[in-house]
């Protein structure tokens, strides 16, 4: 079953997507819930992974793309005493893992960072 999803970027998002790679090297997302930060970050990760996979067959070694998610950091109230007690990844990180299944993108969450 094939599903089609259509995304319509707002003017701010589209202007960021159209910037050259040097400009997009460091981007700070600072906005409220539901304005497309995650969609943009996932799009950038997929774009980087595709670019790296195109290096196969050349003399350049493709790099692994890491998608680092800290969405669960504040909610889990981590500190030195309880960090080792974190038994499973955040739901958001698991969902992102599913989104990037069968890609070269490695999802890294809070649980991964403290181990």
C-alpha atoms as a PDB file:
ATOM      1  CA  UNK A   1       0.000   0.000   0.000  1.00  0.00           C
ATOM      2  CA  UNK A   2       1.493   3.309  -1.086  1.00  0.00           C
ATOM      3  CA  UNK A   3       0.516   6.472   0.743  1.00  0.00           C
ATOM      4  CA  UNK A   4       1.056   9.944  -0.630  1.00  0.00           C
ATOM      5  CA  UNK A   5       1.785  12.780   1.724  1.00  0.00           C
ATOM      6  CA  UNK A   6       1.847  16.350   0.521  1.00  0.00           C
ATOM      7  CA  UNK A   7       3.653  19.034   2.469  1.00  0.00           C
ATOM      8  CA  UNK A   8       3.210  22.711   1.834  1.00  0.00           C
ATOM      9  CA  UNK A   9       6.001  24.797   3.306  1.00  0.00           C
ATOM     10  CA  UNK A  10       5.197  28.254   4.650  1.00  0.00           C
ATOM     11  CA  UNK A  11       7.301  31.183   3.303  1.00  0.00           C
ATOM     12  CA  UNK A  12       9.802  31.054   6.201  1.00  0.00           C
ATOM     13  CA  UNK A  13      10.327  27.309   5.848  1.00  0.00           C
ATOM     14  CA  UNK A  14      10.642  27.517   2.077  1.00  0.00           C
ATOM     15  CA  UNK A  15      13.223  30.305   2.271  1.00  0.00           C
ATOM     16  CA  UNK A  16      15.312  28.131   4.625  1.00  0.00           C
ATOM     17  CA  UNK A  17      15.045  25.142   2.289  1.00  0.00           C
ATOM     18  CA  UNK A  18      16.210  27.234  -0.658  1.00  0.00           C
ATOM     19  CA  UNK A  19      19.328  28.578   1.111  1.00  0.00           C
ATOM     20  CA  UNK A  20      22.709  27.271  -0.009  1.00  0.00           C
ATOM     21  CA  UNK A  21      24.361  24.491   1.990  1.00  0.00           C
ATOM     22  CA  UNK A  22      26.857  26.814   3.665  1.00  0.00           C
ATOM     23  CA  UNK A  23      24.045  28.941   5.093  1.00  0.00           C
ATOM     24  CA  UNK A  24      22.197  25.855   6.363  1.00  0.00           C
ATOM     25  CA  UNK A  25      25.213  24.493   8.234  1.00  0.00           C
ATOM     26  CA  UNK A  26      23.932  25.745  11.588  1.00  0.00           C
ATOM     27  CA  UNK A  27      20.251  26.406  12.079  1.00  0.00           C
ATOM     28  CA  UNK A  28      18.536  27.215  15.358  1.00  0.00           C
ATOM     29  CA  UNK A  29      14.848  26.359  15.590  1.00  0.00           C
ATOM     30  CA  UNK A  30      13.131  28.471  18.214  1.00  0.00           C
ATOM     31  CA  UNK A  31       9.355  28.380  17.969  1.00  0.00           C
ATOM     32  CA  UNK A  32       6.187  26.927  19.409  1.00  0.00           C
ATOM     33  CA  UNK A  33       4.657  23.479  18.960  1.00  0.00           C
ATOM     34  CA  UNK A  34       3.154  22.581  15.601  1.00  0.00           C
ATOM     35  CA  UNK A  35       5.041  24.931  13.310  1.00  0.00           C
ATOM     36  CA  UNK A  36       7.087  22.353  11.371  1.00  0.00           C
ATOM     37  CA  UNK A  37      10.478  22.170  13.134  1.00  0.00           C
ATOM     38  CA  UNK A  38      10.503  18.365  13.135  1.00  0.00           C
ATOM     39  CA  UNK A  39       9.426  18.160   9.485  1.00  0.00           C
ATOM     40  CA  UNK A  40      12.266  20.475   8.474  1.00  0.00           C
ATOM     41  CA  UNK A  41      14.856  18.565  10.511  1.00  0.00           C
ATOM     42  CA  UNK A  42      13.725  15.217   9.092  1.00  0.00           C
ATOM     43  CA  UNK A  43      13.793  16.666   5.581  1.00  0.00           C
ATOM     44  CA  UNK A  44      17.358  17.941   6.110  1.00  0.00           C
ATOM     45  CA  UNK A  45      18.458  14.549   7.478  1.00  0.00           C
ATOM     46  CA  UNK A  46      16.961  12.748   4.476  1.00  0.00           C
ATOM     47  CA  UNK A  47      18.568  15.217   2.064  1.00  0.00           C
ATOM     48  CA  UNK A  48      21.984  14.745   3.686  1.00  0.00           C
ATOM     49  CA  UNK A  49      21.624  10.956   3.686  1.00  0.00           C
ATOM     50  CA  UNK A  50      20.684  10.961   0.002  1.00  0.00           C
ATOM     51  CA  UNK A  51      23.676  13.163  -0.835  1.00  0.00           C
ATOM     52  CA  UNK A  52      25.992  10.858   1.130  1.00  0.00           C
ATOM     53  CA  UNK A  53      24.578   7.719  -0.526  1.00  0.00           C
ATOM     54  CA  UNK A  54      25.353   9.251  -3.915  1.00  0.00           C
ATOM     55  CA  UNK A  55      29.036   9.101  -2.928  1.00  0.00           C
ATOM     56  CA  UNK A  56      28.929   5.291  -3.247  1.00  0.00           C
ATOM     57  CA  UNK A  57      30.953   4.278  -6.256  1.00  0.00           C
ATOM     58  CA  UNK A  58      33.173   7.341  -5.986  1.00  0.00           C
ATOM     59  CA  UNK A  59      36.485   7.649  -4.192  1.00  0.00           C
ATOM     60  CA  UNK A  60      34.753   9.451  -1.281  1.00  0.00           C
ATOM     61  CA  UNK A  61      33.487   7.541   1.759  1.00  0.00           C
ATOM     62  CA  UNK A  62      29.835   8.256   2.596  1.00  0.00           C
ATOM     63  CA  UNK A  63      29.277   9.613   6.116  1.00  0.00           C
ATOM     64  CA  UNK A  64      26.596   8.400   8.490  1.00  0.00           C
ATOM     65  CA  UNK A  65      23.882  10.959   9.151  1.00  0.00           C
ATOM     66  CA  UNK A  66      22.899  11.268  12.813  1.00  0.00           C
ATOM     67  CA  UNK A  67      19.502  12.628  13.837  1.00  0.00           C
ATOM     68  CA  UNK A  68      19.969  13.725  17.452  1.00  0.00           C
ATOM     69  CA  UNK A  69      16.748  14.109  19.398  1.00  0.00           C
ATOM     70  CA  UNK A  70      16.713  15.736  22.805  1.00  0.00           C
ATOM     71  CA  UNK A  71      12.937  16.037  22.932  1.00  0.00           C
ATOM     72  CA  UNK A  72      12.730  13.744  25.966  1.00  0.00           C
ATOM     73  CA  UNK A  73      15.540  15.331  27.972  1.00  0.00           C
ATOM     74  CA  UNK A  74      13.512  17.791  30.010  1.00  0.00           C
ATOM     75  CA  UNK A  75      10.496  15.546  30.492  1.00  0.00           C
ATOM     76  CA  UNK A  76      12.585  12.737  31.954  1.00  0.00           C
ATOM     77  CA  UNK A  77      14.210  14.969  34.584  1.00  0.00           C
ATOM     78  CA  UNK A  78      17.572  13.300  34.148  1.00  0.00           C
ATOM     79  CA  UNK A  79      20.370  13.773  36.608  1.00  0.00           C
ATOM     80  CA  UNK A  80      23.495  11.832  37.563  1.00  0.00           C
ATOM     81  CA  UNK A  81      21.605   9.607  39.993  1.00  0.00           C
ATOM     82  CA  UNK A  82      18.779   8.420  37.747  1.00  0.00           C
ATOM     83  CA  UNK A  83      20.370   8.459  34.272  1.00  0.00           C
ATOM     84  CA  UNK A  84      21.244   4.767  34.486  1.00  0.00           C
ATOM     85  CA  UNK A  85      17.618   3.906  35.312  1.00  0.00           C
ATOM     86  CA  UNK A  86      16.326   5.036  31.907  1.00  0.00           C
ATOM     87  CA  UNK A  87      15.211   1.726  30.397  1.00  0.00           C
ATOM     88  CA  UNK A  88      13.608   2.665  27.085  1.00  0.00           C
ATOM     89  CA  UNK A  89      13.776   5.452  24.517  1.00  0.00           C
ATOM     90  CA  UNK A  90      11.183   8.208  24.341  1.00  0.00           C
ATOM     91  CA  UNK A  91       8.111   7.528  22.185  1.00  0.00           C
ATOM     92  CA  UNK A  92       9.139  10.358  19.853  1.00  0.00           C
ATOM     93  CA  UNK A  93      12.561   8.760  19.331  1.00  0.00           C
ATOM     94  CA  UNK A  94      10.993   5.364  18.572  1.00  0.00           C
ATOM     95  CA  UNK A  95       8.609   6.982  16.070  1.00  0.00           C
ATOM     96  CA  UNK A  96      11.518   8.798  14.432  1.00  0.00           C
ATOM     97  CA  UNK A  97      13.417   5.503  14.258  1.00  0.00           C
ATOM     98  CA  UNK A  98      10.472   4.047  12.316  1.00  0.00           C
ATOM     99  CA  UNK A  99      10.427   7.073   9.986  1.00  0.00           C
ATOM    100  CA  UNK A 100      14.079   6.467   9.122  1.00  0.00           C
ATOM    101  CA  UNK A 101      13.840   2.681   8.768  1.00  0.00           C
ATOM    102  CA  UNK A 102      15.837   1.355   5.805  1.00  0.00           C
ATOM    103  CA  UNK A 103      17.867   4.558   5.526  1.00  0.00           C
ATOM    104  CA  UNK A 104      21.404   5.475   6.464  1.00  0.00           C
ATOM    105  CA  UNK A 105      20.128   7.823   9.173  1.00  0.00           C
ATOM    106  CA  UNK A 106      20.895   6.848  12.751  1.00  0.00           C
ATOM    107  CA  UNK A 107      18.543   8.231  15.404  1.00  0.00           C
ATOM    108  CA  UNK A 108      20.253   9.184  18.672  1.00  0.00           C
ATOM    109  CA  UNK A 109      18.113   9.983  21.687  1.00  0.00           C
ATOM    110  CA  UNK A 110      18.704  10.874  25.307  1.00  0.00           C
ATOM    111  CA  UNK A 111      18.951   7.190  26.294  1.00  0.00           C
ATOM    112  CA  UNK A 112      21.689   6.640  23.698  1.00  0.00           C
ATOM    113  CA  UNK A 113      23.647   9.688  24.814  1.00  0.00           C
ATOM    114  CA  UNK A 114      23.811   8.728  28.488  1.00  0.00           C
ATOM    115  CA  UNK A 115      24.832   5.105  27.948  1.00  0.00           C
END
